[in-house]
């Protein structure tokens, strides 16, 4: 068995439903997609947002075959946001930053954590160390503050292995 990598936190970001201003359809929970017969804009199969949507649909007892728009896949959060903005979709699971950027309302669902995996044998390489030094920088935090829905409170913190 090989050596486990170091796990360093990068950020957390908030995921939820993009909705038109004022949330005219009253979207509050995943079950609303089925009970209100909403049309969604969906992310591609490999995305973490799609995995989250599939899990939430299952928990709500909804079959993806019954969700209008489920098979219309888009490659980015911005693309699904534009579908909602244009009225071609009632909602889309996406990130708060896109809602803010496009002037849409946002119904929060959960926070998603992003970590960096650094192989043990490459951890002390100069390039890796220079990159890791950027994580707690005030410049990066300032940029994140300009985007809504991002949390850098643990940015640069080693999550694994932890000190004993």
C-alpha atoms as a PDB file:
ATOM      1  CA  UNK A   1       0.000   0.000   0.000  1.00  0.00           C
ATOM      2  CA  UNK A   2       1.402   3.427  -0.982  1.00  0.00           C
ATOM      3  CA  UNK A   3       1.790   6.450   1.233  1.00  0.00           C
ATOM      4  CA  UNK A   4      -1.317   8.508   1.807  1.00  0.00           C
ATOM      5  CA  UNK A   5      -1.251  12.073   0.463  1.00  0.00           C
ATOM      6  CA  UNK A   6      -1.429  15.212   2.555  1.00  0.00           C
ATOM      7  CA  UNK A   7      -4.876  16.834   2.475  1.00  0.00           C
ATOM      8  CA  UNK A   8      -4.865  20.645   2.528  1.00  0.00           C
ATOM      9  CA  UNK A   9      -8.087  22.635   2.589  1.00  0.00           C
ATOM     10  CA  UNK A  10      -8.620  25.073  -0.257  1.00  0.00           C
ATOM     11  CA  UNK A  11     -12.115  26.418   0.401  1.00  0.00           C
ATOM     12  CA  UNK A  12     -15.771  25.737   0.965  1.00  0.00           C
ATOM     13  CA  UNK A  13     -18.463  26.991  -1.379  1.00  0.00           C
ATOM     14  CA  UNK A  14     -22.202  27.219  -0.983  1.00  0.00           C
ATOM     15  CA  UNK A  15     -24.463  25.197  -3.266  1.00  0.00           C
ATOM     16  CA  UNK A  16     -28.179  25.709  -3.706  1.00  0.00           C
ATOM     17  CA  UNK A  17     -30.920  26.517  -6.173  1.00  0.00           C
ATOM     18  CA  UNK A  18     -30.731  29.413  -8.596  1.00  0.00           C
ATOM     19  CA  UNK A  19     -34.186  30.951  -8.953  1.00  0.00           C
ATOM     20  CA  UNK A  20     -35.649  34.027 -10.596  1.00  0.00           C
ATOM     21  CA  UNK A  21     -35.861  37.184  -8.518  1.00  0.00           C
ATOM     22  CA  UNK A  22     -38.409  36.952  -5.747  1.00  0.00           C
ATOM     23  CA  UNK A  23     -38.513  33.147  -6.110  1.00  0.00           C
ATOM     24  CA  UNK A  24     -41.945  33.310  -7.812  1.00  0.00           C
ATOM     25  CA  UNK A  25     -42.340  29.518  -7.799  1.00  0.00           C
ATOM     26  CA  UNK A  26     -41.638  29.293  -4.068  1.00  0.00           C
ATOM     27  CA  UNK A  27     -38.790  26.801  -4.386  1.00  0.00           C
ATOM     28  CA  UNK A  28     -37.565  25.790  -0.937  1.00  0.00           C
ATOM     29  CA  UNK A  29     -36.522  22.120  -1.061  1.00  0.00           C
ATOM     30  CA  UNK A  30     -35.534  19.455  -3.599  1.00  0.00           C
ATOM     31  CA  UNK A  31     -38.987  17.869  -3.387  1.00  0.00           C
ATOM     32  CA  UNK A  32     -40.401  21.047  -4.987  1.00  0.00           C
ATOM     33  CA  UNK A  33     -38.786  19.997  -8.281  1.00  0.00           C
ATOM     34  CA  UNK A  34     -41.156  17.043  -8.490  1.00  0.00           C
ATOM     35  CA  UNK A  35     -44.276  18.343  -6.785  1.00  0.00           C
ATOM     36  CA  UNK A  36     -44.272  21.616  -8.734  1.00  0.00           C
ATOM     37  CA  UNK A  37     -43.200  19.912 -11.994  1.00  0.00           C
ATOM     38  CA  UNK A  38     -40.287  22.304 -12.426  1.00  0.00           C
ATOM     39  CA  UNK A  39     -37.897  22.361 -15.366  1.00  0.00           C
ATOM     40  CA  UNK A  40     -34.256  22.234 -14.357  1.00  0.00           C
ATOM     41  CA  UNK A  41     -30.934  22.930 -16.029  1.00  0.00           C
ATOM     42  CA  UNK A  42     -28.544  20.162 -15.028  1.00  0.00           C
ATOM     43  CA  UNK A  43     -24.765  19.892 -14.715  1.00  0.00           C
ATOM     44  CA  UNK A  44     -22.765  17.211 -16.508  1.00  0.00           C
ATOM     45  CA  UNK A  45     -22.541  13.717 -15.084  1.00  0.00           C
ATOM     46  CA  UNK A  46     -19.022  14.014 -13.634  1.00  0.00           C
ATOM     47  CA  UNK A  47     -19.581  17.234 -11.692  1.00  0.00           C
ATOM     48  CA  UNK A  48     -19.909  17.304  -7.910  1.00  0.00           C
ATOM     49  CA  UNK A  49     -23.057  19.388  -8.334  1.00  0.00           C
ATOM     50  CA  UNK A  50     -24.664  16.607 -10.396  1.00  0.00           C
ATOM     51  CA  UNK A  51     -23.675  14.029  -7.782  1.00  0.00           C
ATOM     52  CA  UNK A  52     -25.275  16.230  -5.116  1.00  0.00           C
ATOM     53  CA  UNK A  53     -28.470  16.663  -7.152  1.00  0.00           C
ATOM     54  CA  UNK A  54     -28.759  12.923  -7.801  1.00  0.00           C
ATOM     55  CA  UNK A  55     -28.288  12.157  -4.106  1.00  0.00           C
ATOM     56  CA  UNK A  56     -30.853  14.791  -3.071  1.00  0.00           C
ATOM     57  CA  UNK A  57     -33.402  13.574  -5.648  1.00  0.00           C
ATOM     58  CA  UNK A  58     -33.021  10.039  -4.307  1.00  0.00           C
ATOM     59  CA  UNK A  59     -33.427  11.200  -0.691  1.00  0.00           C
ATOM     60  CA  UNK A  60     -36.584  13.084  -1.713  1.00  0.00           C
ATOM     61  CA  UNK A  61     -37.975   9.975  -3.429  1.00  0.00           C
ATOM     62  CA  UNK A  62     -37.873  11.546  -6.900  1.00  0.00           C
ATOM     63  CA  UNK A  63     -36.959   9.578 -10.019  1.00  0.00           C
ATOM     64  CA  UNK A  64     -34.672  11.552 -12.336  1.00  0.00           C
ATOM     65  CA  UNK A  65     -36.706  10.260 -15.315  1.00  0.00           C
ATOM     66  CA  UNK A  66     -39.631  12.310 -14.016  1.00  0.00           C
ATOM     67  CA  UNK A  67     -37.654  15.575 -13.725  1.00  0.00           C
ATOM     68  CA  UNK A  68     -38.124  17.901 -16.690  1.00  0.00           C
ATOM     69  CA  UNK A  69     -34.791  19.055 -18.075  1.00  0.00           C
ATOM     70  CA  UNK A  70     -32.768  16.424 -16.244  1.00  0.00           C
ATOM     71  CA  UNK A  71     -31.167  15.237 -19.496  1.00  0.00           C
ATOM     72  CA  UNK A  72     -30.192  18.777 -20.585  1.00  0.00           C
ATOM     73  CA  UNK A  73     -26.610  18.906 -19.331  1.00  0.00           C
ATOM     74  CA  UNK A  74     -24.386  21.976 -19.116  1.00  0.00           C
ATOM     75  CA  UNK A  75     -20.651  22.188 -18.510  1.00  0.00           C
ATOM     76  CA  UNK A  76     -20.535  25.109 -16.072  1.00  0.00           C
ATOM     77  CA  UNK A  77     -22.358  26.814 -13.248  1.00  0.00           C
ATOM     78  CA  UNK A  78     -22.578  29.938 -15.391  1.00  0.00           C
ATOM     79  CA  UNK A  79     -24.349  28.042 -18.185  1.00  0.00           C
ATOM     80  CA  UNK A  80     -27.075  26.684 -15.893  1.00  0.00           C
ATOM     81  CA  UNK A  81     -27.438  30.158 -14.403  1.00  0.00           C
ATOM     82  CA  UNK A  82     -28.009  31.626 -17.859  1.00  0.00           C
ATOM     83  CA  UNK A  83     -30.718  29.017 -18.487  1.00  0.00           C
ATOM     84  CA  UNK A  84     -32.577  30.208 -15.377  1.00  0.00           C
ATOM     85  CA  UNK A  85     -31.991  33.866 -16.228  1.00  0.00           C
ATOM     86  CA  UNK A  86     -33.363  33.336 -19.755  1.00  0.00           C
ATOM     87  CA  UNK A  87     -36.438  31.503 -18.435  1.00  0.00           C
ATOM     88  CA  UNK A  88     -35.575  28.205 -20.165  1.00  0.00           C
ATOM     89  CA  UNK A  89     -35.307  26.545 -16.734  1.00  0.00           C
ATOM     90  CA  UNK A  90     -37.197  27.202 -13.513  1.00  0.00           C
ATOM     91  CA  UNK A  91     -34.187  26.335 -11.367  1.00  0.00           C
ATOM     92  CA  UNK A  92     -30.716  24.833 -11.355  1.00  0.00           C
ATOM     93  CA  UNK A  93     -28.471  23.516  -8.644  1.00  0.00           C
ATOM     94  CA  UNK A  94     -25.417  25.770  -8.675  1.00  0.00           C
ATOM     95  CA  UNK A  95     -23.274  28.033  -6.501  1.00  0.00           C
ATOM     96  CA  UNK A  96     -24.148  31.293  -4.768  1.00  0.00           C
ATOM     97  CA  UNK A  97     -21.440  33.191  -6.673  1.00  0.00           C
ATOM     98  CA  UNK A  98     -23.319  32.614  -9.960  1.00  0.00           C
ATOM     99  CA  UNK A  99     -26.591  33.823  -8.446  1.00  0.00           C
ATOM    100  CA  UNK A 100     -24.858  37.014  -7.346  1.00  0.00           C
ATOM    101  CA  UNK A 101     -23.113  37.472 -10.687  1.00  0.00           C
ATOM    102  CA  UNK A 102     -26.357  37.077 -12.676  1.00  0.00           C
ATOM    103  CA  UNK A 103     -28.652  38.894 -10.248  1.00  0.00           C
ATOM    104  CA  UNK A 104     -30.674  35.754  -9.473  1.00  0.00           C
ATOM    105  CA  UNK A 105     -32.018  34.724  -6.094  1.00  0.00           C
ATOM    106  CA  UNK A 106     -30.486  31.780  -4.285  1.00  0.00           C
ATOM    107  CA  UNK A 107     -32.012  29.076  -2.074  1.00  0.00           C
ATOM    108  CA  UNK A 108     -29.149  27.539  -0.046  1.00  0.00           C
ATOM    109  CA  UNK A 109     -28.842  23.771   0.195  1.00  0.00           C
ATOM    110  CA  UNK A 110     -25.372  22.951   1.632  1.00  0.00           C
ATOM    111  CA  UNK A 111     -21.677  23.813   1.743  1.00  0.00           C
ATOM    112  CA  UNK A 112     -19.161  21.821  -0.319  1.00  0.00           C
ATOM    113  CA  UNK A 113     -15.541  21.489   0.797  1.00  0.00           C
ATOM    114  CA  UNK A 114     -12.607  21.512  -1.632  1.00  0.00           C
ATOM    115  CA  UNK A 115      -9.327  19.984  -0.546  1.00  0.00           C
ATOM    116  CA  UNK A 116      -6.007  19.616  -2.315  1.00  0.00           C
ATOM    117  CA  UNK A 117      -4.308  16.210  -2.285  1.00  0.00           C
ATOM    118  CA  UNK A 118      -0.534  16.492  -2.305  1.00  0.00           C
ATOM    119  CA  UNK A 119       1.496  13.276  -2.699  1.00  0.00           C
ATOM    120  CA  UNK A 120       3.838  12.708   0.223  1.00  0.00           C
ATOM    121  CA  UNK A 121       6.894  12.422  -2.034  1.00  0.00           C
ATOM    122  CA  UNK A 122       6.144  15.773  -3.689  1.00  0.00           C
ATOM    123  CA  UNK A 123       5.007  17.764  -0.674  1.00  0.00           C
ATOM    124  CA  UNK A 124       8.315  19.582  -0.148  1.00  0.00           C
ATOM    125  CA  UNK A 125       8.920  20.352  -3.817  1.00  0.00           C
ATOM    126  CA  UNK A 126       9.616  24.055  -4.331  1.00  0.00           C
ATOM    127  CA  UNK A 127       6.613  24.624  -6.623  1.00  0.00           C
ATOM    128  CA  UNK A 128       4.222  22.902  -4.232  1.00  0.00           C
ATOM    129  CA  UNK A 129       5.516  24.900  -1.283  1.00  0.00           C
ATOM    130  CA  UNK A 130       5.266  28.195  -3.198  1.00  0.00           C
ATOM    131  CA  UNK A 131       1.660  27.368  -4.092  1.00  0.00           C
ATOM    132  CA  UNK A 132       0.774  26.393  -0.520  1.00  0.00           C
ATOM    133  CA  UNK A 133       2.232  29.693   0.701  1.00  0.00           C
ATOM    134  CA  UNK A 134      -0.320  31.534  -1.457  1.00  0.00           C
ATOM    135  CA  UNK A 135      -3.296  29.915   0.273  1.00  0.00           C
ATOM    136  CA  UNK A 136      -3.313  31.986   3.472  1.00  0.00           C
ATOM    137  CA  UNK A 137      -2.405  35.189   1.606  1.00  0.00           C
ATOM    138  CA  UNK A 138      -4.435  38.341   2.042  1.00  0.00           C
ATOM    139  CA  UNK A 139      -4.641  38.687  -1.770  1.00  0.00           C
ATOM    140  CA  UNK A 140      -6.429  35.359  -2.135  1.00  0.00           C
ATOM    141  CA  UNK A 141      -8.786  36.180   0.727  1.00  0.00           C
ATOM    142  CA  UNK A 142      -9.559  39.580  -0.817  1.00  0.00           C
ATOM    143  CA  UNK A 143     -10.452  37.912  -4.120  1.00  0.00           C
ATOM    144  CA  UNK A 144     -12.675  35.398  -2.328  1.00  0.00           C
ATOM    145  CA  UNK A 145     -14.407  38.208  -0.431  1.00  0.00           C
ATOM    146  CA  UNK A 146     -15.466  39.655  -3.785  1.00  0.00           C
ATOM    147  CA  UNK A 147     -17.303  36.415  -4.577  1.00  0.00           C
ATOM    148  CA  UNK A 148     -20.270  35.505  -2.442  1.00  0.00           C
ATOM    149  CA  UNK A 149     -20.677  31.977  -1.157  1.00  0.00           C
ATOM    150  CA  UNK A 150     -17.018  31.130  -0.565  1.00  0.00           C
ATOM    151  CA  UNK A 151     -15.462  30.402   2.829  1.00  0.00           C
ATOM    152  CA  UNK A 152     -11.668  30.449   3.169  1.00  0.00           C
ATOM    153  CA  UNK A 153     -11.564  30.183   6.960  1.00  0.00           C
ATOM    154  CA  UNK A 154      -9.602  26.896   6.756  1.00  0.00           C
ATOM    155  CA  UNK A 155      -7.718  27.707   3.550  1.00  0.00           C
ATOM    156  CA  UNK A 156      -4.201  26.311   3.728  1.00  0.00           C
ATOM    157  CA  UNK A 157      -4.933  24.209   6.831  1.00  0.00           C
ATOM    158  CA  UNK A 158      -3.600  20.657   6.722  1.00  0.00           C
ATOM    159  CA  UNK A 159      -6.599  18.400   7.255  1.00  0.00           C
ATOM    160  CA  UNK A 160      -4.604  15.143   7.091  1.00  0.00           C
ATOM    161  CA  UNK A 161      -2.385  14.042   8.622  1.00  0.00           C
ATOM    162  CA  UNK A 162      -3.268  16.001  11.699  1.00  0.00           C
ATOM    163  CA  UNK A 163      -0.851  16.713  14.510  1.00  0.00           C
ATOM    164  CA  UNK A 164      -1.198  14.299  17.389  1.00  0.00           C
END
